[in-house]
N, C-alpha and C. Protein backbone atom coordinates (compact mmCIF):
# COMPACT_ATOMS: atom_id res chain seq x y z
N UNK A 1 -25.96 1.32 -17.09
CA UNK A 1 -26.05 2.18 -15.91
C UNK A 1 -25.60 1.41 -14.69
N UNK A 2 -25.34 2.12 -13.62
CA UNK A 2 -24.76 1.52 -12.43
C UNK A 2 -25.73 1.66 -11.26
N UNK A 3 -26.16 0.53 -10.69
CA UNK A 3 -27.11 0.55 -9.58
C UNK A 3 -26.60 1.37 -8.41
N UNK A 4 -25.30 1.25 -8.09
CA UNK A 4 -24.74 1.96 -6.94
C UNK A 4 -24.60 3.46 -7.17
N UNK A 5 -24.64 3.90 -8.41
CA UNK A 5 -24.51 5.32 -8.74
C UNK A 5 -25.50 5.68 -9.84
N UNK A 6 -26.81 5.69 -9.54
CA UNK A 6 -27.80 5.98 -10.58
C UNK A 6 -27.62 7.40 -11.13
N UNK A 7 -27.87 7.54 -12.43
CA UNK A 7 -27.68 8.85 -13.06
C UNK A 7 -29.00 9.38 -13.64
N UNK A 8 -30.13 8.84 -13.18
CA UNK A 8 -31.40 9.37 -13.64
C UNK A 8 -31.69 10.69 -12.94
N UNK A 9 -32.75 11.37 -13.35
CA UNK A 9 -33.06 12.72 -12.90
C UNK A 9 -33.09 12.86 -11.38
N UNK A 10 -33.79 11.97 -10.69
CA UNK A 10 -33.91 12.11 -9.23
C UNK A 10 -33.06 11.10 -8.45
N UNK A 11 -32.23 10.35 -9.14
CA UNK A 11 -31.28 9.46 -8.47
C UNK A 11 -31.88 8.22 -7.83
N UNK A 12 -33.09 7.81 -8.26
CA UNK A 12 -33.72 6.64 -7.64
C UNK A 12 -33.52 5.36 -8.45
N UNK A 13 -32.84 5.44 -9.58
CA UNK A 13 -32.58 4.25 -10.38
C UNK A 13 -33.74 3.82 -11.27
N UNK A 14 -34.78 4.66 -11.37
CA UNK A 14 -35.91 4.36 -12.25
C UNK A 14 -35.82 5.32 -13.43
N UNK A 15 -35.66 4.77 -14.62
CA UNK A 15 -35.53 5.56 -15.83
C UNK A 15 -36.85 5.53 -16.59
N UNK A 16 -37.35 6.70 -17.00
CA UNK A 16 -38.62 6.80 -17.71
C UNK A 16 -38.33 7.11 -19.17
N UNK A 17 -38.93 6.29 -20.04
CA UNK A 17 -38.80 6.49 -21.48
C UNK A 17 -40.19 6.80 -22.01
N UNK A 18 -40.32 7.89 -22.74
CA UNK A 18 -41.61 8.27 -23.32
C UNK A 18 -41.58 7.91 -24.80
N UNK A 19 -42.57 7.13 -25.20
CA UNK A 19 -42.72 6.73 -26.59
C UNK A 19 -43.96 7.43 -27.13
N UNK A 20 -43.79 8.11 -28.27
CA UNK A 20 -44.91 8.82 -28.88
C UNK A 20 -45.08 8.33 -30.31
N UNK A 21 -46.31 8.07 -30.67
CA UNK A 21 -46.61 7.66 -32.04
C UNK A 21 -47.63 8.63 -32.63
N UNK A 22 -47.52 8.83 -33.94
CA UNK A 22 -48.44 9.72 -34.66
C UNK A 22 -48.96 8.96 -35.86
N UNK A 23 -50.28 9.04 -36.05
CA UNK A 23 -50.83 8.37 -37.23
C UNK A 23 -50.80 9.32 -38.41
N UNK A 24 -51.23 8.82 -39.54
CA UNK A 24 -51.15 9.59 -40.78
C UNK A 24 -52.01 10.86 -40.73
N UNK A 25 -53.03 10.89 -39.87
CA UNK A 25 -53.90 12.06 -39.75
C UNK A 25 -53.34 13.09 -38.78
N UNK A 26 -52.22 12.80 -38.16
CA UNK A 26 -51.61 13.72 -37.22
C UNK A 26 -52.05 13.52 -35.78
N UNK A 27 -52.87 12.50 -35.55
CA UNK A 27 -53.25 12.19 -34.17
C UNK A 27 -52.08 11.50 -33.48
N UNK A 28 -51.89 11.82 -32.25
CA UNK A 28 -50.76 11.22 -31.55
C UNK A 28 -51.16 10.69 -30.19
N UNK A 29 -50.42 9.77 -29.75
CA UNK A 29 -50.55 9.19 -28.41
C UNK A 29 -49.15 8.94 -27.88
N UNK A 30 -49.05 8.92 -26.57
CA UNK A 30 -47.76 8.59 -25.98
C UNK A 30 -47.97 7.65 -24.80
N UNK A 31 -46.93 6.98 -24.47
CA UNK A 31 -46.92 6.10 -23.31
C UNK A 31 -45.56 6.19 -22.64
N UNK A 32 -45.58 6.30 -21.32
CA UNK A 32 -44.34 6.29 -20.54
C UNK A 32 -44.05 4.87 -20.09
N UNK A 33 -42.82 4.48 -20.25
CA UNK A 33 -42.37 3.17 -19.81
C UNK A 33 -41.27 3.40 -18.78
N UNK A 34 -41.43 2.78 -17.61
CA UNK A 34 -40.42 2.90 -16.55
C UNK A 34 -39.51 1.68 -16.57
N UNK A 35 -38.23 1.96 -16.49
CA UNK A 35 -37.23 0.90 -16.43
C UNK A 35 -36.50 1.06 -15.10
N UNK A 36 -36.58 0.01 -14.27
CA UNK A 36 -35.95 0.05 -12.95
C UNK A 36 -34.71 -0.82 -12.94
N UNK A 37 -33.58 -0.24 -12.50
CA UNK A 37 -32.35 -1.01 -12.39
C UNK A 37 -32.41 -1.94 -11.20
N UNK A 38 -31.93 -3.14 -11.38
CA UNK A 38 -31.80 -4.09 -10.28
C UNK A 38 -30.33 -4.21 -9.92
N UNK A 39 -30.07 -4.52 -8.67
CA UNK A 39 -28.70 -4.68 -8.23
C UNK A 39 -28.23 -6.08 -8.61
N UNK A 40 -27.17 -6.14 -9.39
CA UNK A 40 -26.62 -7.42 -9.84
C UNK A 40 -25.35 -7.74 -9.05
N UNK A 41 -25.06 -9.01 -8.92
CA UNK A 41 -23.82 -9.40 -8.25
C UNK A 41 -22.64 -9.03 -9.14
N UNK A 42 -21.77 -8.20 -8.62
CA UNK A 42 -20.63 -7.72 -9.37
C UNK A 42 -19.34 -8.24 -8.74
N UNK A 43 -18.33 -8.31 -9.55
CA UNK A 43 -17.03 -8.69 -9.02
C UNK A 43 -16.41 -7.47 -8.36
N UNK A 44 -15.88 -7.69 -7.17
CA UNK A 44 -15.11 -6.63 -6.56
C UNK A 44 -13.81 -6.49 -7.35
N UNK A 45 -13.26 -5.31 -7.37
CA UNK A 45 -11.96 -5.15 -8.01
C UNK A 45 -11.01 -4.52 -7.00
N UNK A 46 -9.76 -4.93 -7.07
CA UNK A 46 -8.75 -4.45 -6.14
C UNK A 46 -7.44 -4.28 -6.91
N UNK A 47 -6.78 -3.17 -6.66
CA UNK A 47 -5.50 -2.92 -7.33
C UNK A 47 -4.40 -3.76 -6.69
N UNK A 48 -3.29 -3.84 -7.37
CA UNK A 48 -2.11 -4.46 -6.77
C UNK A 48 -1.65 -3.55 -5.63
N UNK A 49 -1.14 -4.13 -4.56
CA UNK A 49 -0.64 -3.29 -3.45
C UNK A 49 0.50 -2.38 -3.92
N UNK A 50 0.50 -1.17 -3.38
CA UNK A 50 1.59 -0.23 -3.66
C UNK A 50 2.27 0.15 -2.36
N UNK A 51 3.57 0.38 -2.44
CA UNK A 51 4.38 0.81 -1.30
C UNK A 51 5.20 1.98 -1.80
N UNK A 52 5.24 3.07 -1.03
CA UNK A 52 6.00 4.23 -1.50
C UNK A 52 7.39 4.26 -0.89
N UNK A 53 8.35 4.65 -1.71
CA UNK A 53 9.72 4.81 -1.24
C UNK A 53 10.46 3.50 -1.04
N UNK A 54 11.68 3.64 -0.51
CA UNK A 54 12.51 2.47 -0.22
C UNK A 54 11.93 1.72 0.96
N UNK A 55 12.09 0.40 0.96
CA UNK A 55 11.53 -0.44 2.01
C UNK A 55 12.69 -1.06 2.78
N UNK A 56 12.73 -0.77 4.09
CA UNK A 56 13.82 -1.25 4.94
C UNK A 56 13.29 -2.27 5.95
N UNK A 57 14.09 -3.29 6.20
CA UNK A 57 13.74 -4.30 7.21
C UNK A 57 13.55 -3.61 8.56
N UNK A 58 12.43 -3.90 9.22
CA UNK A 58 12.15 -3.40 10.55
C UNK A 58 11.67 -1.96 10.62
N UNK A 59 11.50 -1.30 9.47
CA UNK A 59 11.03 0.09 9.44
C UNK A 59 9.63 0.11 8.85
N UNK A 60 8.69 0.75 9.56
CA UNK A 60 7.30 0.77 9.11
C UNK A 60 7.16 1.50 7.78
N UNK A 61 6.38 0.91 6.91
CA UNK A 61 6.03 1.51 5.63
C UNK A 61 4.56 1.21 5.37
N UNK A 62 3.91 2.03 4.56
CA UNK A 62 2.48 1.83 4.28
C UNK A 62 2.29 1.05 2.99
N UNK A 63 1.36 0.10 3.05
CA UNK A 63 0.91 -0.64 1.87
C UNK A 63 -0.50 -0.14 1.60
N UNK A 64 -0.81 0.19 0.34
CA UNK A 64 -2.13 0.71 -0.01
C UNK A 64 -2.71 -0.03 -1.21
N UNK A 65 -4.04 -0.10 -1.23
CA UNK A 65 -4.77 -0.63 -2.39
C UNK A 65 -5.99 0.25 -2.64
N UNK A 66 -6.48 0.21 -3.87
CA UNK A 66 -7.75 0.85 -4.19
C UNK A 66 -8.74 -0.24 -4.59
N UNK A 67 -9.99 -0.06 -4.21
CA UNK A 67 -11.04 -1.04 -4.48
C UNK A 67 -12.30 -0.32 -4.95
N UNK A 68 -13.25 -1.08 -5.50
CA UNK A 68 -14.47 -0.46 -6.01
C UNK A 68 -15.67 -0.65 -5.09
N UNK A 69 -15.45 -1.18 -3.89
CA UNK A 69 -16.55 -1.40 -2.97
C UNK A 69 -16.05 -1.24 -1.53
N UNK A 70 -16.97 -0.90 -0.65
CA UNK A 70 -16.62 -0.80 0.77
C UNK A 70 -16.43 -2.21 1.32
N UNK A 71 -15.59 -2.33 2.33
CA UNK A 71 -15.39 -3.63 2.95
C UNK A 71 -14.15 -3.67 3.80
N UNK A 72 -13.68 -4.87 4.05
CA UNK A 72 -12.47 -5.11 4.84
C UNK A 72 -11.41 -5.69 3.92
N UNK A 73 -10.18 -5.17 4.07
CA UNK A 73 -9.07 -5.64 3.25
C UNK A 73 -8.06 -6.34 4.14
N UNK A 74 -7.61 -7.50 3.70
CA UNK A 74 -6.53 -8.23 4.37
C UNK A 74 -5.30 -8.16 3.48
N UNK A 75 -4.16 -7.93 4.11
CA UNK A 75 -2.90 -7.86 3.38
C UNK A 75 -2.08 -9.11 3.68
N UNK A 76 -1.38 -9.61 2.65
CA UNK A 76 -0.62 -10.85 2.76
C UNK A 76 0.81 -10.66 2.28
N UNK A 77 1.73 -11.34 2.94
CA UNK A 77 3.13 -11.37 2.57
C UNK A 77 3.48 -12.82 2.26
N UNK A 78 3.80 -13.10 1.02
CA UNK A 78 4.12 -14.47 0.63
C UNK A 78 2.97 -15.43 0.90
N UNK A 79 1.74 -14.96 0.79
CA UNK A 79 0.56 -15.80 1.01
C UNK A 79 0.13 -15.92 2.45
N UNK A 80 0.90 -15.35 3.39
CA UNK A 80 0.54 -15.41 4.81
C UNK A 80 0.08 -14.04 5.27
N UNK A 81 -0.91 -14.04 6.15
CA UNK A 81 -1.46 -12.78 6.65
C UNK A 81 -0.39 -11.94 7.36
N UNK A 82 -0.46 -10.65 7.16
CA UNK A 82 0.43 -9.73 7.84
C UNK A 82 -0.28 -9.30 9.12
N UNK A 83 0.34 -9.57 10.28
CA UNK A 83 -0.30 -9.20 11.53
C UNK A 83 -0.49 -7.69 11.58
N UNK A 84 -1.59 -7.25 12.14
CA UNK A 84 -1.93 -5.83 12.17
C UNK A 84 -2.57 -5.35 10.89
N UNK A 85 -2.65 -6.21 9.89
CA UNK A 85 -3.23 -5.84 8.58
C UNK A 85 -4.32 -6.82 8.18
N UNK A 86 -5.05 -7.31 9.16
CA UNK A 86 -5.99 -8.41 8.90
C UNK A 86 -7.38 -7.96 8.47
N UNK A 87 -7.81 -6.82 8.91
CA UNK A 87 -9.17 -6.38 8.56
C UNK A 87 -9.19 -4.86 8.51
N UNK A 88 -8.51 -4.30 7.52
CA UNK A 88 -8.44 -2.85 7.39
C UNK A 88 -9.68 -2.36 6.65
N UNK A 89 -10.43 -1.48 7.30
CA UNK A 89 -11.65 -0.93 6.69
C UNK A 89 -11.29 0.01 5.54
N UNK A 90 -12.12 -0.02 4.52
CA UNK A 90 -11.92 0.89 3.39
C UNK A 90 -12.45 2.27 3.76
N UNK A 91 -11.92 3.27 3.09
CA UNK A 91 -12.42 4.64 3.20
C UNK A 91 -12.71 5.15 1.80
N UNK A 92 -13.56 6.15 1.70
CA UNK A 92 -13.89 6.72 0.40
C UNK A 92 -15.35 6.52 0.07
N UNK A 93 -15.69 6.68 -1.19
CA UNK A 93 -17.06 6.50 -1.65
C UNK A 93 -17.03 5.82 -3.02
N UNK A 94 -18.16 5.22 -3.37
CA UNK A 94 -18.25 4.44 -4.60
C UNK A 94 -17.91 5.31 -5.80
N UNK A 95 -17.11 4.85 -6.72
CA UNK A 95 -16.42 3.56 -6.81
C UNK A 95 -14.94 3.65 -6.40
N UNK A 96 -14.60 4.65 -5.61
CA UNK A 96 -13.19 4.88 -5.28
C UNK A 96 -12.94 4.74 -3.78
N UNK A 97 -12.71 3.52 -3.36
CA UNK A 97 -12.37 3.24 -1.97
C UNK A 97 -10.88 2.90 -1.89
N UNK A 98 -10.33 3.02 -0.69
CA UNK A 98 -8.93 2.62 -0.50
C UNK A 98 -8.77 2.04 0.89
N UNK A 99 -7.68 1.32 1.07
CA UNK A 99 -7.31 0.77 2.38
C UNK A 99 -5.80 0.82 2.49
N UNK A 100 -5.33 1.08 3.70
CA UNK A 100 -3.90 1.21 3.95
C UNK A 100 -3.53 0.43 5.19
N UNK A 101 -2.33 -0.11 5.18
CA UNK A 101 -1.83 -0.87 6.32
C UNK A 101 -0.37 -0.48 6.57
N UNK A 102 0.00 -0.36 7.84
CA UNK A 102 1.39 -0.11 8.20
C UNK A 102 2.09 -1.45 8.41
N UNK A 103 3.20 -1.65 7.71
CA UNK A 103 3.91 -2.93 7.70
C UNK A 103 5.38 -2.72 8.02
N UNK A 104 5.91 -3.56 8.92
CA UNK A 104 7.35 -3.57 9.23
C UNK A 104 7.91 -4.87 8.66
N UNK A 105 8.62 -4.80 7.55
CA UNK A 105 9.15 -6.02 6.94
C UNK A 105 10.07 -6.77 7.90
N UNK A 106 9.85 -8.06 8.11
CA UNK A 106 10.66 -8.83 9.05
C UNK A 106 11.97 -9.37 8.47
N UNK A 107 12.06 -9.41 7.14
CA UNK A 107 13.25 -9.98 6.50
C UNK A 107 13.64 -9.13 5.29
N UNK A 108 14.88 -9.30 4.84
CA UNK A 108 15.33 -8.61 3.63
C UNK A 108 15.10 -9.49 2.42
N UNK A 109 15.29 -8.92 1.25
CA UNK A 109 15.15 -9.67 0.00
C UNK A 109 13.83 -9.40 -0.68
N UNK A 110 13.61 -10.16 -1.72
CA UNK A 110 12.39 -10.01 -2.51
C UNK A 110 11.20 -10.56 -1.73
N UNK A 111 10.12 -9.75 -1.66
CA UNK A 111 8.91 -10.14 -0.95
C UNK A 111 7.71 -9.92 -1.86
N UNK A 112 6.71 -10.79 -1.75
CA UNK A 112 5.51 -10.70 -2.57
C UNK A 112 4.32 -10.31 -1.71
N UNK A 113 3.69 -9.20 -2.10
CA UNK A 113 2.52 -8.68 -1.38
C UNK A 113 1.25 -8.89 -2.20
N UNK A 114 0.17 -9.27 -1.52
CA UNK A 114 -1.16 -9.33 -2.12
C UNK A 114 -2.16 -8.78 -1.11
N UNK A 115 -3.38 -8.56 -1.56
CA UNK A 115 -4.45 -8.09 -0.69
C UNK A 115 -5.75 -8.73 -1.15
N UNK A 116 -6.70 -8.85 -0.22
CA UNK A 116 -8.01 -9.44 -0.53
C UNK A 116 -9.10 -8.57 0.07
N UNK A 117 -10.09 -8.21 -0.75
CA UNK A 117 -11.24 -7.43 -0.29
C UNK A 117 -12.40 -8.37 0.00
N UNK A 118 -13.01 -8.18 1.18
CA UNK A 118 -14.26 -8.85 1.53
C UNK A 118 -15.30 -7.74 1.64
N UNK A 119 -16.16 -7.61 0.64
CA UNK A 119 -17.10 -6.49 0.60
C UNK A 119 -18.16 -6.57 1.70
N UNK A 120 -18.60 -5.40 2.16
CA UNK A 120 -19.72 -5.35 3.10
C UNK A 120 -21.05 -5.42 2.35
N UNK A 121 -21.05 -5.07 1.09
CA UNK A 121 -22.24 -5.15 0.23
C UNK A 121 -22.24 -6.53 -0.42
N UNK A 122 -23.25 -7.36 -0.09
CA UNK A 122 -23.24 -8.74 -0.59
C UNK A 122 -23.53 -8.84 -2.08
N UNK A 123 -23.74 -7.70 -2.77
CA UNK A 123 -23.90 -7.78 -4.21
C UNK A 123 -22.54 -7.76 -4.92
N UNK A 124 -21.47 -7.59 -4.16
CA UNK A 124 -20.11 -7.68 -4.69
C UNK A 124 -19.48 -8.96 -4.18
N UNK A 125 -18.62 -9.55 -5.00
CA UNK A 125 -17.92 -10.76 -4.56
C UNK A 125 -16.51 -10.41 -4.10
N UNK A 126 -15.99 -11.22 -3.18
CA UNK A 126 -14.63 -11.04 -2.69
C UNK A 126 -13.65 -11.33 -3.82
N UNK A 127 -12.52 -10.66 -3.78
CA UNK A 127 -11.51 -10.89 -4.80
C UNK A 127 -10.12 -10.58 -4.24
N UNK A 128 -9.12 -11.20 -4.85
CA UNK A 128 -7.73 -11.03 -4.43
C UNK A 128 -6.97 -10.27 -5.51
N UNK A 129 -6.06 -9.40 -5.07
CA UNK A 129 -5.26 -8.61 -6.00
C UNK A 129 -4.21 -9.47 -6.69
N UNK A 130 -3.62 -8.91 -7.70
CA UNK A 130 -2.43 -9.54 -8.27
C UNK A 130 -1.25 -9.25 -7.34
N UNK A 131 -0.18 -9.93 -7.53
CA UNK A 131 0.99 -9.84 -6.65
C UNK A 131 1.87 -8.65 -7.01
N UNK A 132 2.34 -7.98 -5.97
CA UNK A 132 3.36 -6.94 -6.14
C UNK A 132 4.64 -7.44 -5.48
N UNK A 133 5.73 -7.48 -6.24
CA UNK A 133 7.02 -7.88 -5.68
C UNK A 133 7.79 -6.62 -5.28
N UNK A 134 8.30 -6.65 -4.07
CA UNK A 134 9.09 -5.51 -3.56
C UNK A 134 10.42 -6.04 -3.05
N UNK A 135 11.40 -5.17 -2.97
CA UNK A 135 12.72 -5.54 -2.48
C UNK A 135 12.92 -4.85 -1.14
N UNK A 136 13.09 -5.65 -0.08
CA UNK A 136 13.33 -5.12 1.26
C UNK A 136 14.83 -5.11 1.48
N UNK A 137 15.35 -3.93 1.84
CA UNK A 137 16.79 -3.79 2.03
C UNK A 137 17.14 -3.67 3.51
N UNK A 138 18.37 -3.98 3.81
CA UNK A 138 18.85 -3.94 5.19
C UNK A 138 19.04 -2.48 5.60
N UNK A 139 18.58 -2.17 6.79
CA UNK A 139 18.75 -0.83 7.32
C UNK A 139 20.20 -0.66 7.73
N UNK A 140 20.79 0.51 7.44
CA UNK A 140 22.16 0.78 7.81
C UNK A 140 22.18 1.80 8.94
N UNK A 141 23.26 1.87 9.66
CA UNK A 141 23.40 2.83 10.75
C UNK A 141 22.97 2.24 12.06
N UNK A 142 23.01 3.06 13.11
CA UNK A 142 22.66 2.60 14.43
C UNK A 142 21.16 2.62 14.64
N UNK A 143 20.71 1.79 15.53
CA UNK A 143 19.27 1.73 15.81
C UNK A 143 18.94 2.60 16.95
């Protein structure tokens, strides 16, 4: 079961198990046992960054990730922080959060994007996404 999303009858994370025994004469007794979930330290999970459409140098495009916990997401280009994308708050609800950043690629060629989630819930640990390689192309036409 999941502490952040309890599925017991009243949603409080306490599960009641009733055990009943009957003796050979047909006499019976029962006892209720309560099991309470504790919050465990979990690993945060973060998807690889995604970018939609063609990516042009100097033209804003959105980078998005999905995560399993609320928090702040930092986006990185080649291991260096992307300005304006340093602490993007997640939106959504457990376990489906997302974060988006608007990025204007400064150079053309192959670029490597990563992201890192710093959870607001201290029962989750920070984690970094795997790398997404994208190809930034030169914009054509007049500016």
